[in-house]
C-alpha atoms as a PDB file:
ATOM      1  CA  MET A   1       2.758  -3.577  32.107  1.00  0.00           C
ATOM      2  CA  ARG A   2       3.442  -6.849  30.278  1.00  0.00           C
ATOM      3  CA  PHE A   3       5.252  -6.548  26.953  1.00  0.00           C
ATOM      4  CA  GLY A   4       4.168  -9.189  24.449  1.00  0.00           C
ATOM      5  CA  PRO A   5       5.895  -9.854  21.098  1.00  0.00           C
ATOM      6  CA  THR A   6       3.688  -7.405  19.197  1.00  0.00           C
ATOM      7  CA  ARG A   7       4.322  -4.548  21.609  1.00  0.00           C
ATOM      8  CA  LEU A   8       8.057  -5.210  21.621  1.00  0.00           C
ATOM      9  CA  ILE A   9       8.067  -5.157  17.819  1.00  0.00           C
ATOM     10  CA  THR A  10       6.191  -1.845  17.832  1.00  0.00           C
ATOM     11  CA  VAL A  11       8.594  -0.173  20.269  1.00  0.00           C
ATOM     12  CA  GLY A  12      11.626  -1.447  18.381  1.00  0.00           C
ATOM     13  CA  VAL A  13      10.308  -0.332  14.988  1.00  0.00           C
ATOM     14  CA  VAL A  14       9.422   3.176  16.190  1.00  0.00           C
ATOM     15  CA  ILE A  15      12.886   3.634  17.735  1.00  0.00           C
ATOM     16  CA  LEU A  16      14.629   2.418  14.575  1.00  0.00           C
ATOM     17  CA  LEU A  17      12.557   4.686  12.347  1.00  0.00           C
ATOM     18  CA  ALA A  18      13.171   7.715  14.561  1.00  0.00           C
ATOM     19  CA  LEU A  19      16.934   7.086  14.410  1.00  0.00           C
ATOM     20  CA  ALA A  20      16.979   6.240  10.689  1.00  0.00           C
ATOM     21  CA  PRO A  21      18.639   9.519   9.549  1.00  0.00           C
ATOM     22  CA  PHE A  22      21.574   8.693  11.849  1.00  0.00           C
ATOM     23  CA  LEU A  23      21.688   4.930  11.251  1.00  0.00           C
ATOM     24  CA  SER A  24      21.169   4.769   7.471  1.00  0.00           C
ATOM     25  CA  PRO A  25      24.631   6.215   6.609  1.00  0.00           C
ATOM     26  CA  LEU A  26      26.201   3.382   8.608  1.00  0.00           C
ATOM     27  CA  ILE A  27      24.849   0.858   6.088  1.00  0.00           C
ATOM     28  CA  HIS A  28      25.450   3.227   3.143  1.00  0.00           C
ATOM     29  CA  VAL A  29      21.742   3.775   2.482  1.00  0.00           C
ATOM     30  CA  ASP A  30      20.543   7.294   1.688  1.00  0.00           C
ATOM     31  CA  ILE A  31      17.728   8.652   3.831  1.00  0.00           C
ATOM     32  CA  SER A  32      15.629   9.094   0.671  1.00  0.00           C
ATOM     33  CA  ILE A  33      15.627   5.286   0.320  1.00  0.00           C
ATOM     34  CA  VAL A  34      14.323   4.910   3.869  1.00  0.00           C
ATOM     35  CA  ASN A  35      11.716   7.537   3.028  1.00  0.00           C
ATOM     36  CA  GLU A  36      10.740   5.494  -0.015  1.00  0.00           C
ATOM     37  CA  VAL A  37      10.358   2.435   2.229  1.00  0.00           C
ATOM     38  CA  LEU A  38       7.792   4.278   4.376  1.00  0.00           C
ATOM     39  CA  LEU A  39       5.800   5.473   1.377  1.00  0.00           C
ATOM     40  CA  PHE A  40       6.001   2.073  -0.291  1.00  0.00           C
ATOM     41  CA  THR A  41       4.694   0.638   2.984  1.00  0.00           C
ATOM     42  CA  LEU A  42       1.622   2.890   2.866  1.00  0.00           C
ATOM     43  CA  ALA A  43       0.787   1.425  -0.539  1.00  0.00           C
ATOM     44  CA  ALA A  44       1.517  -2.093   0.726  1.00  0.00           C
ATOM     45  CA  MET A  45      -0.772  -1.461   3.727  1.00  0.00           C
ATOM     46  CA  SER A  46      -3.549  -0.522   1.319  1.00  0.00           C
ATOM     47  CA  ALA A  47      -3.030  -3.862  -0.435  1.00  0.00           C
ATOM     48  CA  ASN A  48      -2.880  -5.622   2.929  1.00  0.00           C
ATOM     49  CA  LEU A  49      -6.330  -4.334   3.882  1.00  0.00           C
ATOM     50  CA  LEU A  50      -7.805  -6.061   0.838  1.00  0.00           C
ATOM     51  CA  LEU A  51      -5.566  -9.129   0.647  1.00  0.00           C
ATOM     52  CA  GLY A  52      -4.755  -9.832   4.280  1.00  0.00           C
ATOM     53  CA  TYR A  53      -8.056  -8.926   5.887  1.00  0.00           C
ATOM     54  CA  THR A  54     -10.779  -9.037   3.225  1.00  0.00           C
ATOM     55  CA  GLY A  55      -9.309 -11.826   1.090  1.00  0.00           C
ATOM     56  CA  LEU A  56      -9.357  -9.918  -2.215  1.00  0.00           C
ATOM     57  CA  PRO A  57      -6.335  -9.875  -4.565  1.00  0.00           C
ATOM     58  CA  PRO A  58      -5.490  -6.153  -5.058  1.00  0.00           C
ATOM     59  CA  PHE A  59      -3.681  -6.383  -8.383  1.00  0.00           C
ATOM     60  CA  GLY A  60      -4.780  -2.889  -9.418  1.00  0.00           C
ATOM     61  CA  ASN A  61      -3.840  -0.831  -6.365  1.00  0.00           C
ATOM     62  CA  ALA A  62      -0.956   0.780  -8.212  1.00  0.00           C
ATOM     63  CA  ALA A  63      -3.579   2.791 -10.104  1.00  0.00           C
ATOM     64  CA  PHE A  64      -4.555   4.545  -6.874  1.00  0.00           C
ATOM     65  CA  PHE A  65      -0.897   5.039  -5.942  1.00  0.00           C
ATOM     66  CA  GLY A  66      -0.270   6.600  -9.356  1.00  0.00           C
ATOM     67  CA  LEU A  67      -3.405   8.738  -9.145  1.00  0.00           C
ATOM     68  CA  GLY A  68      -2.059  10.139  -5.885  1.00  0.00           C
ATOM     69  CA  THR A  69       1.264  10.943  -7.553  1.00  0.00           C
ATOM     70  CA  TYR A  70      -0.297  12.552 -10.611  1.00  0.00           C
ATOM     71  CA  GLY A  71      -2.946  14.323  -8.541  1.00  0.00           C
ATOM     72  CA  ALA A  72      -0.246  15.998  -6.465  1.00  0.00           C
ATOM     73  CA  GLY A  73       2.035  16.655  -9.434  1.00  0.00           C
ATOM     74  CA  LEU A  74      -0.623  18.145 -11.712  1.00  0.00           C
ATOM     75  CA  SER A  75      -1.981  20.373  -8.943  1.00  0.00           C
ATOM     76  CA  ILE A  76       1.529  21.689  -8.261  1.00  0.00           C
ATOM     77  CA  LYS A  77       2.369  22.219 -11.919  1.00  0.00           C
ATOM     78  CA  TYR A  78      -0.875  23.816 -13.068  1.00  0.00           C
ATOM     79  CA  PHE A  79      -2.424  25.302  -9.909  1.00  0.00           C
ATOM     80  CA  HIS A  80       0.719  26.105  -7.874  1.00  0.00           C
ATOM     81  CA  VAL A  81      -0.612  24.670  -4.626  1.00  0.00           C
ATOM     82  CA  ASN A  82       1.470  24.162  -1.490  1.00  0.00           C
ATOM     83  CA  PHE A  83       2.704  20.863  -0.043  1.00  0.00           C
ATOM     84  CA  ILE A  84      -0.279  20.174   2.208  1.00  0.00           C
ATOM     85  CA  GLU A  85      -2.801  21.061  -0.511  1.00  0.00           C
ATOM     86  CA  ALA A  86      -0.985  18.874  -3.050  1.00  0.00           C
ATOM     87  CA  THR A  87      -1.022  15.951  -0.621  1.00  0.00           C
ATOM     88  CA  LEU A  88      -4.748  16.348  -0.008  1.00  0.00           C
ATOM     89  CA  LEU A  89      -5.537  16.723  -3.716  1.00  0.00           C
ATOM     90  CA  GLY A  90      -3.463  13.667  -4.617  1.00  0.00           C
ATOM     91  CA  THR A  91      -5.233  11.611  -1.952  1.00  0.00           C
ATOM     92  CA  ALA A  92      -8.598  12.929  -3.176  1.00  0.00           C
ATOM     93  CA  ALA A  93      -7.726  11.936  -6.761  1.00  0.00           C
ATOM     94  CA  ALA A  94      -7.146   8.344  -5.651  1.00  0.00           C
ATOM     95  CA  LEU A  95     -10.393   8.333  -3.673  1.00  0.00           C
ATOM     96  CA  LEU A  96     -12.265   9.681  -6.703  1.00  0.00           C
ATOM     97  CA  GLY A  97     -10.751   6.922  -8.834  1.00  0.00           C
ATOM     98  CA  ALA A  98     -11.978   4.328  -6.331  1.00  0.00           C
ATOM     99  CA  LEU A  99     -15.462   5.847  -6.384  1.00  0.00           C
ATOM    100  CA  VAL A 100     -15.478   5.384 -10.162  1.00  0.00           C
ATOM    101  CA  VAL A 101     -14.222   1.783 -10.317  1.00  0.00           C
ATOM    102  CA  GLY A 102     -15.479   0.561  -6.934  1.00  0.00           C
ATOM    103  CA  PRO A 103     -19.053  -0.156  -8.056  1.00  0.00           C
ATOM    104  CA  PHE A 104     -17.691  -2.462 -10.782  1.00  0.00           C
ATOM    105  CA  LEU A 105     -15.429  -4.339  -8.354  1.00  0.00           C
ATOM    106  CA  VAL A 106     -17.659  -4.636  -5.330  1.00  0.00           C
ATOM    107  CA  ARG A 107     -19.566  -7.747  -6.424  1.00  0.00           C
ATOM    108  CA  ARG A 108     -16.515  -9.662  -7.627  1.00  0.00           C
ATOM    109  CA  ARG A 109     -14.497 -12.084  -5.551  1.00  0.00           C
ATOM    110  CA  GLY A 110     -11.311 -14.098  -5.910  1.00  0.00           C
ATOM    111  CA  ILE A 111      -9.495 -14.070  -9.228  1.00  0.00           C
ATOM    112  CA  TYR A 112     -12.372 -12.167 -10.885  1.00  0.00           C
ATOM    113  CA  PHE A 113     -11.725  -9.236  -8.547  1.00  0.00           C
ATOM    114  CA  GLY A 114      -8.005  -9.409  -9.301  1.00  0.00           C
ATOM    115  CA  LEU A 115      -8.407  -9.484 -13.075  1.00  0.00           C
ATOM    116  CA  LEU A 116     -10.960  -6.681 -13.140  1.00  0.00           C
ATOM    117  CA  SER A 117      -8.787  -4.515 -10.889  1.00  0.00           C
ATOM    118  CA  ILE A 118      -5.860  -5.086 -13.273  1.00  0.00           C
ATOM    119  CA  ALA A 119      -8.047  -4.027 -16.208  1.00  0.00           C
ATOM    120  CA  PHE A 120      -9.121  -0.768 -14.562  1.00  0.00           C
ATOM    121  CA  GLY A 121      -5.566  -0.101 -13.431  1.00  0.00           C
ATOM    122  CA  GLN A 122      -4.333  -0.421 -17.012  1.00  0.00           C
ATOM    123  CA  VAL A 123      -7.005   2.037 -18.146  1.00  0.00           C
ATOM    124  CA  PHE A 124      -5.531   4.684 -15.825  1.00  0.00           C
ATOM    125  CA  TYR A 125      -2.044   3.699 -16.972  1.00  0.00           C
ATOM    126  CA  PHE A 126      -2.868   4.250 -20.651  1.00  0.00           C
ATOM    127  CA  ILE A 127      -4.575   7.558 -19.882  1.00  0.00           C
ATOM    128  CA  ALA A 128      -1.371   8.814 -18.257  1.00  0.00           C
ATOM    129  CA  TYR A 129       0.664   7.308 -21.104  1.00  0.00           C
ATOM    130  CA  ARG A 130      -1.361   8.807 -23.972  1.00  0.00           C
ATOM    131  CA  PHE A 131      -2.216  12.307 -22.687  1.00  0.00           C
ATOM    132  CA  THR A 132       1.270  13.588 -23.424  1.00  0.00           C
ATOM    133  CA  ASP A 133       0.359  17.291 -23.370  1.00  0.00           C
ATOM    134  CA  VAL A 134      -0.908  17.051 -19.789  1.00  0.00           C
ATOM    135  CA  THR A 135       0.979  14.212 -18.108  1.00  0.00           C
ATOM    136  CA  GLY A 136       4.186  14.133 -20.148  1.00  0.00           C
ATOM    137  CA  GLY A 137       3.303  10.711 -21.511  1.00  0.00           C
ATOM    138  CA  GLU A 138       5.983   8.031 -21.483  1.00  0.00           C
ATOM    139  CA  ASP A 139       8.656  10.536 -20.399  1.00  0.00           C
ATOM    140  CA  GLY A 140       6.772  11.434 -17.249  1.00  0.00           C
ATOM    141  CA  MET A 141       6.311  14.841 -15.671  1.00  0.00           C
ATOM    142  CA  ASN A 142       8.684  16.938 -13.577  1.00  0.00           C
ATOM    143  CA  PHE A 143       7.491  19.377 -10.934  1.00  0.00           C
ATOM    144  CA  ALA A 144       9.110  21.316  -8.133  1.00  0.00           C
ATOM    145  CA  ARG A 145       8.501  20.434  -4.497  1.00  0.00           C
ATOM    146  CA  PRO A 146       6.316  23.236  -3.096  1.00  0.00           C
ATOM    147  CA  TYR A 147       6.654  25.002   0.239  1.00  0.00           C
ATOM    148  CA  LEU A 148       4.990  23.396   3.233  1.00  0.00           C
ATOM    149  CA  GLY A 149       1.969  25.689   3.427  1.00  0.00           C
ATOM    150  CA  ILE A 150       1.802  26.446   7.161  1.00  0.00           C
ATOM    151  CA  SER A 151       1.192  30.074   8.111  1.00  0.00           C
ATOM    152  CA  ASN A 152       4.353  31.964   9.139  1.00  0.00           C
ATOM    153  CA  PHE A 153       6.393  28.872   8.233  1.00  0.00           C
ATOM    154  CA  HIS A 154       7.261  29.364   4.564  1.00  0.00           C
ATOM    155  CA  VAL A 155       9.775  26.558   4.111  1.00  0.00           C
ATOM    156  CA  THR A 156      10.413  23.736   1.644  1.00  0.00           C
ATOM    157  CA  LEU A 157      11.299  20.421   3.242  1.00  0.00           C
ATOM    158  CA  HIS A 158      14.321  18.418   2.129  1.00  0.00           C
ATOM    159  CA  GLY A 159      16.346  15.490   3.419  1.00  0.00           C
ATOM    160  CA  SER A 160      15.700  14.680   7.062  1.00  0.00           C
ATOM    161  CA  GLY A 161      12.954  17.299   7.306  1.00  0.00           C
ATOM    162  CA  PHE A 162      10.940  15.585   4.594  1.00  0.00           C
ATOM    163  CA  TYR A 163      11.655  12.211   6.187  1.00  0.00           C
ATOM    164  CA  TYR A 164      10.348  13.201   9.607  1.00  0.00           C
ATOM    165  CA  LEU A 165       7.197  14.661   8.071  1.00  0.00           C
ATOM    166  CA  THR A 166       6.710  11.366   6.238  1.00  0.00           C
ATOM    167  CA  LEU A 167       7.352   9.507   9.495  1.00  0.00           C
ATOM    168  CA  VAL A 168       4.620  11.487  11.267  1.00  0.00           C
ATOM    169  CA  VAL A 169       2.167  10.653   8.458  1.00  0.00           C
ATOM    170  CA  PHE A 170       3.298   7.037   8.520  1.00  0.00           C
ATOM    171  CA  VAL A 171       2.867   6.602  12.286  1.00  0.00           C
ATOM    172  CA  ALA A 172      -0.556   8.247  12.138  1.00  0.00           C
ATOM    173  CA  SER A 173      -1.523   5.905   9.287  1.00  0.00           C
ATOM    174  CA  ILE A 174      -0.299   2.857  11.213  1.00  0.00           C
ATOM    175  CA  LEU A 175      -2.333   3.855  14.270  1.00  0.00           C
ATOM    176  CA  ALA A 176      -5.404   4.477  12.126  1.00  0.00           C
ATOM    177  CA  PHE A 177      -4.918   1.142  10.369  1.00  0.00           C
ATOM    178  CA  LYS A 178      -4.587  -0.696  13.677  1.00  0.00           C
ATOM    179  CA  LEU A 179      -7.756   0.907  15.037  1.00  0.00           C
ATOM    180  CA  LEU A 180      -9.561   0.092  11.793  1.00  0.00           C
ATOM    181  CA  VAL A 181      -8.698  -3.611  11.618  1.00  0.00           C
ATOM    182  CA  GLU A 182      -9.384  -4.129  15.332  1.00  0.00           C
ATOM    183  CA  SER A 183     -12.752  -2.364  15.120  1.00  0.00           C
ATOM    184  CA  PRO A 184     -16.057  -4.165  14.417  1.00  0.00           C
ATOM    185  CA  PHE A 185     -15.649  -3.063  10.799  1.00  0.00           C
ATOM    186  CA  GLY A 186     -12.244  -4.744  10.543  1.00  0.00           C
ATOM    187  CA  ARG A 187     -13.535  -7.905  12.235  1.00  0.00           C
ATOM    188  CA  THR A 188     -16.339  -8.001   9.705  1.00  0.00           C
ATOM    189  CA  LEU A 189     -13.828  -7.825   6.853  1.00  0.00           C
ATOM    190  CA  VAL A 190     -12.030 -10.837   8.337  1.00  0.00           C
ATOM    191  CA  ALA A 191     -15.366 -12.629   8.656  1.00  0.00           C
ATOM    192  CA  ILE A 192     -16.093 -11.901   4.981  1.00  0.00           C
ATOM    193  CA  ARG A 193     -12.775 -13.461   4.066  1.00  0.00           C
ATOM    194  CA  GLN A 194     -13.412 -16.569   6.146  1.00  0.00           C
ATOM    195  CA  ASN A 195     -17.110 -17.194   5.460  1.00  0.00           C
ATOM    196  CA  GLU A 196     -19.080 -14.612   3.523  1.00  0.00           C
ATOM    197  CA  VAL A 197     -22.198 -16.779   3.455  1.00  0.00           C
ATOM    198  CA  ARG A 198     -22.405 -16.713   7.243  1.00  0.00           C
ATOM    199  CA  VAL A 199     -21.895 -12.931   7.251  1.00  0.00           C
ATOM    200  CA  ARG A 200     -24.890 -12.564   4.961  1.00  0.00           C
ATOM    201  CA  TYR A 201     -26.967 -14.906   7.078  1.00  0.00           C
ATOM    202  CA  LEU A 202     -26.291 -12.546   9.984  1.00  0.00           C
ATOM    203  CA  GLY A 203     -28.032  -9.813   8.018  1.00  0.00           C
ATOM    204  CA  LEU A 204     -24.944  -7.835   6.996  1.00  0.00           C
ATOM    205  CA  ASP A 205     -24.464  -6.450   3.497  1.00  0.00           C
ATOM    206  CA  SER A 206     -21.007  -7.780   2.661  1.00  0.00           C
ATOM    207  CA  ASN A 207     -20.825  -5.791  -0.578  1.00  0.00           C
ATOM    208  CA  ARG A 208     -21.163  -2.546   1.366  1.00  0.00           C
ATOM    209  CA  PHE A 209     -18.265  -3.512   3.636  1.00  0.00           C
ATOM    210  CA  VAL A 210     -16.128  -4.475   0.640  1.00  0.00           C
ATOM    211  CA  PHE A 211     -16.907  -1.156  -1.075  1.00  0.00           C
ATOM    212  CA  VAL A 212     -15.827   0.841   1.977  1.00  0.00           C
ATOM    213  CA  ALA A 213     -12.669  -1.298   2.212  1.00  0.00           C
ATOM    214  CA  ILE A 214     -11.864  -0.448  -1.420  1.00  0.00           C
ATOM    215  CA  LEU A 215     -12.299   3.273  -0.716  1.00  0.00           C
ATOM    216  CA  ILE A 216     -10.086   3.160   2.385  1.00  0.00           C
ATOM    217  CA  SER A 217      -7.464   1.126   0.543  1.00  0.00           C
ATOM    218  CA  ALA A 218      -7.415   3.607  -2.348  1.00  0.00           C
ATOM    219  CA  THR A 219      -7.125   6.563   0.039  1.00  0.00           C
ATOM    220  CA  MET A 220      -4.102   5.020   1.763  1.00  0.00           C
ATOM    221  CA  ALA A 221      -2.446   4.237  -1.567  1.00  0.00           C
ATOM    222  CA  GLY A 222      -3.183   7.745  -2.837  1.00  0.00           C
ATOM    223  CA  LEU A 223      -1.649   9.329   0.263  1.00  0.00           C
ATOM    224  CA  GLY A 224       1.514   7.294  -0.224  1.00  0.00           C
ATOM    225  CA  GLY A 225       1.564   8.128  -3.931  1.00  0.00           C
ATOM    226  CA  ALA A 226       1.165  11.877  -3.370  1.00  0.00           C
ATOM    227  CA  LEU A 227       4.104  11.966  -0.944  1.00  0.00           C
ATOM    228  CA  PHE A 228       6.125   9.645  -3.194  1.00  0.00           C
ATOM    229  CA  GLY A 229       5.676  12.038  -6.103  1.00  0.00           C
ATOM    230  CA  MET A 230       6.903  14.984  -4.044  1.00  0.00           C
ATOM    231  CA  LEU A 231       9.811  12.920  -2.724  1.00  0.00           C
ATOM    232  CA  ASN A 232      11.022  12.376  -6.312  1.00  0.00           C
ATOM    233  CA  ASN A 233       9.564  15.555  -7.871  1.00  0.00           C
ATOM    234  CA  PHE A 234       8.450  13.318 -10.701  1.00  0.00           C
ATOM    235  CA  ALA A 235       5.448  11.294 -11.891  1.00  0.00           C
ATOM    236  CA  TRP A 236       5.528   8.607 -14.578  1.00  0.00           C
ATOM    237  CA  PRO A 237       2.961   6.157 -16.020  1.00  0.00           C
ATOM    238  CA  LEU A 238       4.665   2.969 -14.831  1.00  0.00           C
ATOM    239  CA  LEU A 239       3.600   3.853 -11.283  1.00  0.00           C
ATOM    240  CA  MET A 240       0.122   2.729 -12.387  1.00  0.00           C
ATOM    241  CA  ASP A 241       1.191  -0.415 -14.187  1.00  0.00           C
ATOM    242  CA  TRP A 242       0.078  -3.812 -12.895  1.00  0.00           C
ATOM    243  CA  HIS A 243       3.708  -4.758 -12.281  1.00  0.00           C
ATOM    244  CA  GLN A 244       3.802  -2.059  -9.607  1.00  0.00           C
ATOM    245  CA  SER A 245       0.711  -3.570  -8.009  1.00  0.00           C
ATOM    246  CA  GLY A 246       2.546  -6.894  -7.984  1.00  0.00           C
ATOM    247  CA  ASP A 247       5.406  -5.272  -6.063  1.00  0.00           C
ATOM    248  CA  PHE A 248       2.974  -4.104  -3.372  1.00  0.00           C
ATOM    249  CA  VAL A 249       1.432  -7.563  -3.096  1.00  0.00           C
ATOM    250  CA  LEU A 250       4.918  -9.097  -3.019  1.00  0.00           C
ATOM    251  CA  SER A 251       5.865  -6.867  -0.083  1.00  0.00           C
ATOM    252  CA  VAL A 252       2.715  -7.835   1.815  1.00  0.00           C
ATOM    253  CA  ILE A 253       3.324 -11.551   1.304  1.00  0.00           C
ATOM    254  CA  LEU A 254       7.011 -11.242   2.216  1.00  0.00           C
ATOM    255  CA  GLY A 255       6.323  -9.478   5.491  1.00  0.00           C
ATOM    256  CA  GLY A 256       3.102 -11.260   6.393  1.00  0.00           C
ATOM    257  CA  SER A 257      -0.405 -10.508   5.157  1.00  0.00           C
ATOM    258  CA  GLY A 258      -2.968  -9.812   7.831  1.00  0.00           C
ATOM    259  CA  THR A 259      -0.373  -8.256  10.169  1.00  0.00           C
ATOM    260  CA  ILE A 260       0.146  -4.615  11.096  1.00  0.00           C
ATOM    261  CA  TRP A 261       3.916  -4.428  10.599  1.00  0.00           C
ATOM    262  CA  GLY A 262       4.305  -7.086   7.903  1.00  0.00           C
ATOM    263  CA  PRO A 263       4.022  -4.606   4.988  1.00  0.00           C
ATOM    264  CA  LEU A 264       6.819  -2.491   6.486  1.00  0.00           C
ATOM    265  CA  LEU A 265       9.150  -5.479   6.766  1.00  0.00           C
ATOM    266  CA  GLY A 266       8.325  -6.651   3.253  1.00  0.00           C
ATOM    267  CA  SER A 267       8.716  -3.144   1.814  1.00  0.00           C
ATOM    268  CA  ALA A 268      12.072  -2.680   3.537  1.00  0.00           C
ATOM    269  CA  ILE A 269      13.337  -5.971   2.116  1.00  0.00           C
ATOM    270  CA  TYR A 270      12.095  -5.132  -1.370  1.00  0.00           C
ATOM    271  CA  VAL A 271      13.105  -1.456  -1.615  1.00  0.00           C
ATOM    272  CA  ILE A 272      16.467  -1.653   0.155  1.00  0.00           C
ATOM    273  CA  GLY A 273      17.254  -5.013  -1.454  1.00  0.00           C
ATOM    274  CA  LYS A 274      16.496  -3.584  -4.881  1.00  0.00           C
ATOM    275  CA  ASP A 275      18.643  -0.516  -4.204  1.00  0.00           C
ATOM    276  CA  ILE A 276      21.641  -2.534  -3.012  1.00  0.00           C
ATOM    277  CA  ILE A 277      21.464  -5.391  -5.522  1.00  0.00           C
ATOM    278  CA  SER A 278      20.792  -3.129  -8.523  1.00  0.00           C
ATOM    279  CA  SER A 279      24.003  -1.225  -7.745  1.00  0.00           C
ATOM    280  CA  TYR A 280      25.918  -4.438  -8.517  1.00  0.00           C
ATOM    281  CA  THR A 281      23.900  -6.013 -11.339  1.00  0.00           C
ATOM    282  CA  ASN A 282      21.053  -5.302 -13.727  1.00  0.00           C
ATOM    283  CA  LEU A 283      19.670  -8.751 -12.928  1.00  0.00           C
ATOM    284  CA  TRP A 284      18.436  -7.646  -9.496  1.00  0.00           C
ATOM    285  CA  GLN A 285      14.908  -8.940 -10.217  1.00  0.00           C
ATOM    286  CA  ILE A 286      16.225 -12.509 -10.355  1.00  0.00           C
ATOM    287  CA  PHE A 287      17.689 -12.186  -6.867  1.00  0.00           C
ATOM    288  CA  ILE A 288      14.548 -10.539  -5.479  1.00  0.00           C
ATOM    289  CA  GLY A 289      12.480 -13.333  -7.028  1.00  0.00           C
ATOM    290  CA  ALA A 290      14.733 -15.980  -5.487  1.00  0.00           C
ATOM    291  CA  LEU A 291      14.417 -14.259  -2.117  1.00  0.00           C
ATOM    292  CA  PHE A 292      10.645 -14.249  -2.469  1.00  0.00           C
ATOM    293  CA  VAL A 293      10.578 -17.978  -3.270  1.00  0.00           C
ATOM    294  CA  ALA A 294      12.827 -18.718  -0.290  1.00  0.00           C
ATOM    295  CA  CYS A 295      10.618 -16.684   2.056  1.00  0.00           C
ATOM    296  CA  VAL A 296       7.428 -18.340   0.810  1.00  0.00           C
ATOM    297  CA  LEU A 297       8.942 -21.802   1.323  1.00  0.00           C
ATOM    298  CA  GLY A 298      10.510 -20.994   4.683  1.00  0.00           C
ATOM    299  CA  PHE A 299       7.811 -18.671   6.033  1.00  0.00           C
ATOM    300  CA  PRO A 300       4.391 -19.740   4.682  1.00  0.00           C
ATOM    301  CA  ARG A 301       2.641 -16.855   6.503  1.00  0.00           C
ATOM    302  CA  GLY A 302       5.312 -14.321   5.648  1.00  0.00           C
ATOM    303  CA  ILE A 303       8.307 -13.540   7.818  1.00  0.00           C
ATOM    304  CA  LEU A 304       6.503 -11.603  10.538  1.00  0.00           C
ATOM    305  CA  GLY A 305       3.333 -13.687  10.296  1.00  0.00           C
ATOM    306  CA  SER A 306       5.314 -16.892  10.835  1.00  0.00           C
ATOM    307  CA  ILE A 307       7.183 -15.389  13.788  1.00  0.00           C
ATOM    308  CA  LEU A 308       3.944 -14.271  15.433  1.00  0.00           C
ATOM    309  CA  ALA A 309       2.406 -17.686  14.792  1.00  0.00           C
ATOM    310  CA  ARG A 310       5.314 -19.290  16.636  1.00  0.00           C
ATOM    311  CA  PHE A 311       4.456 -17.150  19.662  1.00  0.00           C
ATOM    312  CA  GLY A 312       0.791 -18.076  19.324  1.00  0.00           C
ATOM    313  CA  THR A 313      -0.300 -14.567  18.319  1.00  0.00           C
ATOM    314  CA  ALA A 314      -1.067 -15.047  14.612  1.00  0.00           C
ATOM    315  CA  PRO A 315      -3.843 -12.725  13.394  1.00  0.00           C
ATOM    316  CA  LEU A 316      -7.356 -13.986  12.859  1.00  0.00           C
ATOM    317  CA  SER A 317      -7.168 -13.055   9.216  1.00  0.00           C
ATOM    318  CA  ASN A 318      -4.618 -15.819   8.636  1.00  0.00           C
ATOM    319  CA  GLU A 319      -6.754 -18.613  10.030  1.00  0.00           C
ATOM    320  CA  SER A 320      -8.357 -19.427   6.704  1.00  0.00           C
ATOM    321  CA  GLU A 321      -5.870 -19.221   3.850  1.00  0.00           C
ATOM    322  CA  GLU A 322      -8.199 -20.894   1.348  1.00  0.00           C
ATOM    323  CA  ALA A 323     -10.715 -18.074   1.673  1.00  0.00           C
ATOM    324  CA  ASN A 324      -8.277 -15.823  -0.172  1.00  0.00           C
ATOM    325  CA  TRP A 325      -9.089 -17.185  -3.573  1.00  0.00           C
ATOM    326  CA  THR A 326     -12.128 -19.422  -3.282  1.00  0.00           C
ATOM    327  CA  GLN A 327     -15.778 -18.950  -2.443  1.00  0.00           C
ATOM    328  CA  SER A 328     -18.655 -21.246  -1.685  1.00  0.00           C
ATOM    329  CA  PRO A 329     -20.833 -22.142  -4.694  1.00  0.00           C
ATOM    330  CA  ALA A 330     -23.659 -19.916  -3.433  1.00  0.00           C
ATOM    331  CA  ILE A 331     -21.464 -16.816  -3.238  1.00  0.00           C
ATOM    332  CA  ALA A 332     -19.753 -17.593  -6.542  1.00  0.00           C
ATOM    333  CA  ALA A 333     -23.075 -17.944  -8.316  1.00  0.00           C
ATOM    334  CA  ASP A 334     -24.317 -14.675  -6.842  1.00  0.00           C
ATOM    335  CA  HIS A 335     -21.201 -12.692  -7.740  1.00  0.00           C
ATOM    336  CA  HIS A 336     -20.506 -14.053 -11.201  1.00  0.00           C
ATOM    337  CA  GLY A 337     -23.937 -14.963 -12.418  1.00  0.00           C
END
């Protein structure tokens, strides 16, 4: 069996992640930080589906991440559900949020999609911020991590146990994401990014594909948010803020939009970099920003995307960078008129 660059990357990443509880102490990084990287990656993957494959700027995806966190937290605090039920309810809360805002977003493209997604994201943010009696408001909301919820296995996961459960969810999500983007549905999303007019001429309803992409993206973000909330036993409104959405987009661009493993690389750089740099200075955002500028200048397709391009295996979704933000006059008139 011939091992190409992508397969070698996959094998190496899986081995590193499986050994993370043993390797992370060597670089003085707590396993909870590595766990945060995986959950941050799930949210970045949700942004990657829209940005890297469909060509839509997902500047409001933090709302779905936060809905997952609050959905899990509120269900634990007020309904005393177990871990699995809280995860499912948090994911369902994000999906429900996408069903509410999706119809308003589905006909927008380019910067109009980005601005409208920010607006809806801020609505959810202010709801969490103002409903103090339910969500804790600005101070956030504490809740205890529930037991797992498997019959005859009444245990609460901590440390490495929680990490390996997250790793199983993460690997399953990666496999599902890979199957999705390589399916006819995923190829159609790439086609919409590159030339939506031609997709419509082929008789396909591009708005329907975009709507389903929004729902899938929200579900992935909600799953990551639900687990993130139970990792920290805390939910707070800033998880829904547009700045958080910018962090997800930043991670995608750093690693390489339109790639499978790019969001993981970008998330690792952002989360671990933030953890290490912030321990030395409160000005960590300046250094992260400088790193981002350096990566954009040195790796126009992101770090992993540029490496794959050098081997001649760059994804199809990166073939038309202009399609990210612009549309033909016919599509623009239809969507904004």
